[in-house]
Amino acid sequence: TEECRSRGIPFAADFSQQIARMGGDEIRILLDGATYLFSNEYEKGLIESKTGWTDAEILARVGHRVTTLGAQGVRIERVGEEPIEVGCPEENVKADPTGVGDAFRAGFLSGLAWGVGLERAAQVGCMLATLVIETVGTQEYTLHRNHFMDRFTKAYGHEAAAEVRTHLA
């Protein structure tokens, strides 16, 4: 992250399971200046307690604070902006939570790479996370464009689906 900061390269900070072993200084160094800080609610609390920084202080140090909320979806916060909250599509089954956070980030970052807005990127992330939680195993899921788009349309509507579909052709 230091090299990214010194070269002006945007970066994302994501501690995941490593946060349990990290100290406050390490966490502060990794997140300071991140364009995106990813965490779930539990990790969010650890980040705040280990750094000694408040939620507002952390938000002032990153561009976007992206907090996954389990079955409730995700919240994206930016200084001076209203939070963006996106819910998860309805699950058919909750088979295995392993890899769900990775799937969310992959979908979210794919959306950003396509140039869609934060809300739409979060919807792509939440849809992918839902498909992954319905599969046992970390990478055993398969993505089928039509199935993804049918579920996405049901969850987020035709306008959202039309925007995403152009990137999946």
Protein backbone atom coordinates (compact mmCIF):
# COMPACT_ATOMS: atom_id res chain seq x y z
CA THR A 1 0.00 0.00 0.00
CA GLU A 2 2.90 2.34 0.63
CA GLU A 3 4.09 1.95 -2.95
CA CYS A 4 0.57 2.61 -4.21
CA ARG A 5 0.35 5.76 -2.11
CA SER A 6 3.79 7.02 -3.23
CA ARG A 7 2.99 6.38 -6.91
CA GLY A 8 -0.57 7.70 -6.74
CA ILE A 9 -2.09 4.32 -7.62
CA PRO A 10 -5.61 3.73 -6.24
CA PHE A 11 -5.83 0.61 -4.07
CA ALA A 12 -8.30 -1.40 -2.04
CA ALA A 13 -7.69 -2.54 1.54
CA ASP A 14 -9.27 -5.81 2.63
CA PHE A 15 -8.09 -7.48 5.81
CA SER A 16 -10.39 -10.52 5.81
CA GLN A 17 -9.21 -13.23 8.19
CA GLN A 18 -5.82 -11.57 8.67
CA ILE A 19 -7.30 -8.85 10.85
CA ALA A 20 -7.32 -11.15 13.87
CA ARG A 21 -3.51 -11.36 13.89
CA MET A 22 -2.82 -7.74 12.91
CA GLY A 23 -2.07 -4.92 15.31
CA GLY A 24 -3.39 -1.40 15.14
CA ASP A 25 -0.25 0.03 13.52
CA GLU A 26 -0.36 -2.54 10.71
CA ILE A 27 -4.04 -1.89 10.11
CA ARG A 28 -3.56 1.89 10.08
CA ILE A 29 -0.73 1.58 7.53
CA LEU A 30 -2.69 -0.73 5.26
CA LEU A 31 -5.93 1.25 5.16
CA ASP A 32 -4.68 4.84 5.13
CA GLY A 33 -5.40 6.33 1.73
CA ALA A 34 -7.23 3.31 0.32
CA THR A 35 -9.73 4.07 -2.40
CA TYR A 36 -11.90 1.22 -1.08
CA LEU A 37 -11.87 -0.29 2.39
CA PHE A 38 -13.72 -3.62 2.41
CA SER A 39 -14.89 -5.36 5.59
CA ASN A 40 -17.85 -7.09 7.11
CA GLU A 41 -19.51 -5.70 10.25
CA TYR A 42 -17.38 -7.79 12.60
CA GLU A 43 -14.15 -6.70 10.88
CA LYS A 44 -15.40 -3.09 10.90
CA GLY A 45 -15.57 -3.23 14.70
CA LEU A 46 -12.11 -4.78 14.94
CA ILE A 47 -10.63 -2.14 12.65
CA GLU A 48 -12.06 0.61 14.84
CA SER A 49 -11.04 -0.97 18.15
CA LYS A 50 -7.52 -1.94 17.03
CA THR A 51 -6.71 1.38 15.35
CA GLY A 52 -8.36 3.51 18.01
CA TRP A 53 -9.95 5.49 15.18
CA THR A 54 -13.65 6.25 15.08
CA ASP A 55 -15.84 5.35 12.14
CA ALA A 56 -15.70 8.98 10.99
CA GLU A 57 -11.90 9.11 11.29
CA ILE A 58 -11.53 5.96 9.21
CA LEU A 59 -13.98 7.22 6.62
CA ALA A 60 -11.94 10.44 6.34
CA ARG A 61 -8.85 8.33 5.52
CA VAL A 62 -10.40 6.24 2.73
CA GLY A 63 -12.40 7.09 -0.36
CA HIS A 64 -15.14 4.52 0.16
CA ARG A 65 -15.95 2.32 3.13
CA VAL A 66 -17.70 -0.81 1.87
CA THR A 67 -19.23 -2.89 4.67
CA THR A 68 -20.96 -6.16 3.89
CA LEU A 69 -23.98 -6.84 6.07
CA GLY A 70 -24.58 -10.55 5.55
CA ALA A 71 -28.06 -11.33 4.27
CA GLN A 72 -28.91 -7.60 4.47
CA GLY A 73 -26.47 -6.75 1.66
CA VAL A 74 -23.92 -3.95 1.76
CA ARG A 75 -23.48 -0.34 2.81
CA ILE A 76 -21.13 2.02 0.96
CA GLU A 77 -20.11 5.20 2.74
CA ARG A 78 -18.27 8.28 1.50
CA VAL A 79 -17.49 11.52 3.30
CA GLY A 80 -20.22 14.08 2.79
CA GLU A 81 -22.50 11.68 0.89
CA GLU A 82 -25.54 9.69 1.91
CA PRO A 83 -24.72 5.99 2.36
CA ILE A 84 -25.68 3.65 -0.45
CA GLU A 85 -27.39 0.49 0.79
CA VAL A 86 -28.07 -2.46 -1.47
CA GLY A 87 -29.91 -5.57 -0.38
CA CYS A 88 -29.12 -9.14 -1.37
CA PRO A 89 -31.29 -11.14 -3.73
CA GLU A 90 -33.42 -13.81 -2.10
CA GLU A 91 -31.43 -16.99 -1.47
CA ASN A 92 -32.74 -20.31 -2.71
CA VAL A 93 -30.68 -22.08 -0.04
CA LYS A 94 -27.89 -21.14 2.35
CA ALA A 95 -25.47 -23.98 1.57
CA ASP A 96 -22.00 -22.66 2.47
CA PRO A 97 -20.82 -19.13 3.37
CA THR A 98 -17.20 -19.86 2.41
CA GLY A 99 -16.08 -17.49 -0.33
CA VAL A 100 -19.12 -15.23 -0.21
CA GLY A 101 -17.12 -12.11 0.71
CA ASP A 102 -14.62 -12.82 -2.07
CA ALA A 103 -17.51 -13.25 -4.51
CA PHE A 104 -19.02 -9.93 -3.44
CA ARG A 105 -15.73 -8.12 -3.97
CA ALA A 106 -15.19 -9.79 -7.35
CA GLY A 107 -18.64 -8.72 -8.54
CA PHE A 108 -18.33 -5.23 -7.08
CA LEU A 109 -14.89 -4.62 -8.61
CA SER A 110 -16.07 -6.05 -11.94
CA GLY A 111 -18.91 -3.54 -11.92
CA LEU A 112 -16.50 -0.71 -11.22
CA ALA A 113 -14.22 -1.91 -14.03
CA TRP A 114 -17.23 -1.81 -16.39
CA GLY A 115 -17.81 1.80 -15.37
CA VAL A 116 -21.20 1.35 -13.70
CA GLY A 117 -22.05 3.36 -10.60
CA LEU A 118 -21.52 2.25 -7.03
CA GLU A 119 -25.09 1.05 -6.53
CA ARG A 120 -25.05 -1.09 -9.66
CA ALA A 121 -21.59 -2.47 -8.83
CA ALA A 122 -22.87 -3.39 -5.36
CA GLN A 123 -25.86 -5.14 -6.93
CA VAL A 124 -23.56 -7.23 -9.13
CA GLY A 125 -21.49 -8.08 -6.05
CA CYS A 126 -24.54 -9.03 -4.01
CA MET A 127 -25.93 -11.19 -6.83
CA LEU A 128 -22.66 -13.05 -7.21
CA ALA A 129 -22.39 -13.50 -3.43
CA THR A 130 -25.91 -14.95 -3.35
CA LEU A 131 -25.06 -17.47 -6.06
CA VAL A 132 -21.92 -18.48 -4.17
CA ILE A 133 -23.69 -18.97 -0.82
CA GLU A 134 -26.04 -21.40 -2.57
CA THR A 135 -23.10 -23.68 -3.50
CA VAL A 136 -21.03 -25.94 -1.24
CA GLY A 137 -17.31 -25.26 -1.64
CA THR A 138 -15.16 -22.22 -2.20
CA GLN A 139 -14.95 -22.28 -6.01
CA GLU A 140 -17.39 -24.98 -7.08
CA TYR A 141 -20.05 -22.58 -8.32
CA THR A 142 -20.64 -22.06 -12.02
CA LEU A 143 -21.92 -18.89 -13.60
CA HIS A 144 -24.39 -19.01 -16.41
CA ARG A 145 -25.19 -15.65 -17.99
CA ASN A 146 -28.93 -16.30 -18.41
CA HIS A 147 -29.38 -17.64 -14.88
CA PHE A 148 -27.39 -14.73 -13.43
CA MET A 149 -29.44 -12.21 -15.40
CA ASP A 150 -32.79 -13.83 -14.54
CA ARG A 151 -31.98 -13.68 -10.83
CA PHE A 152 -30.48 -10.19 -11.13
CA THR A 153 -33.59 -8.89 -12.94
CA LYS A 154 -35.89 -10.40 -10.32
CA ALA A 155 -33.88 -8.78 -7.52
CA TYR A 156 -33.07 -5.37 -8.97
CA GLY A 157 -35.43 -4.75 -11.88
CA HIS A 158 -35.31 -4.40 -15.63
CA GLU A 159 -33.46 -1.08 -15.77
CA ALA A 160 -30.61 -2.37 -13.62
CA ALA A 161 -30.50 -5.61 -15.60
CA ALA A 162 -30.34 -3.78 -18.94
CA GLU A 163 -27.29 -1.84 -17.74
CA VAL A 164 -25.49 -4.95 -16.50
CA ARG A 165 -26.45 -7.14 -19.47
CA THR A 166 -24.41 -4.95 -21.84
CA HIS A 167 -21.27 -5.94 -19.95
CA LEU A 168 -21.97 -9.67 -20.01
CA ALA A 169 -22.42 -10.04 -23.77
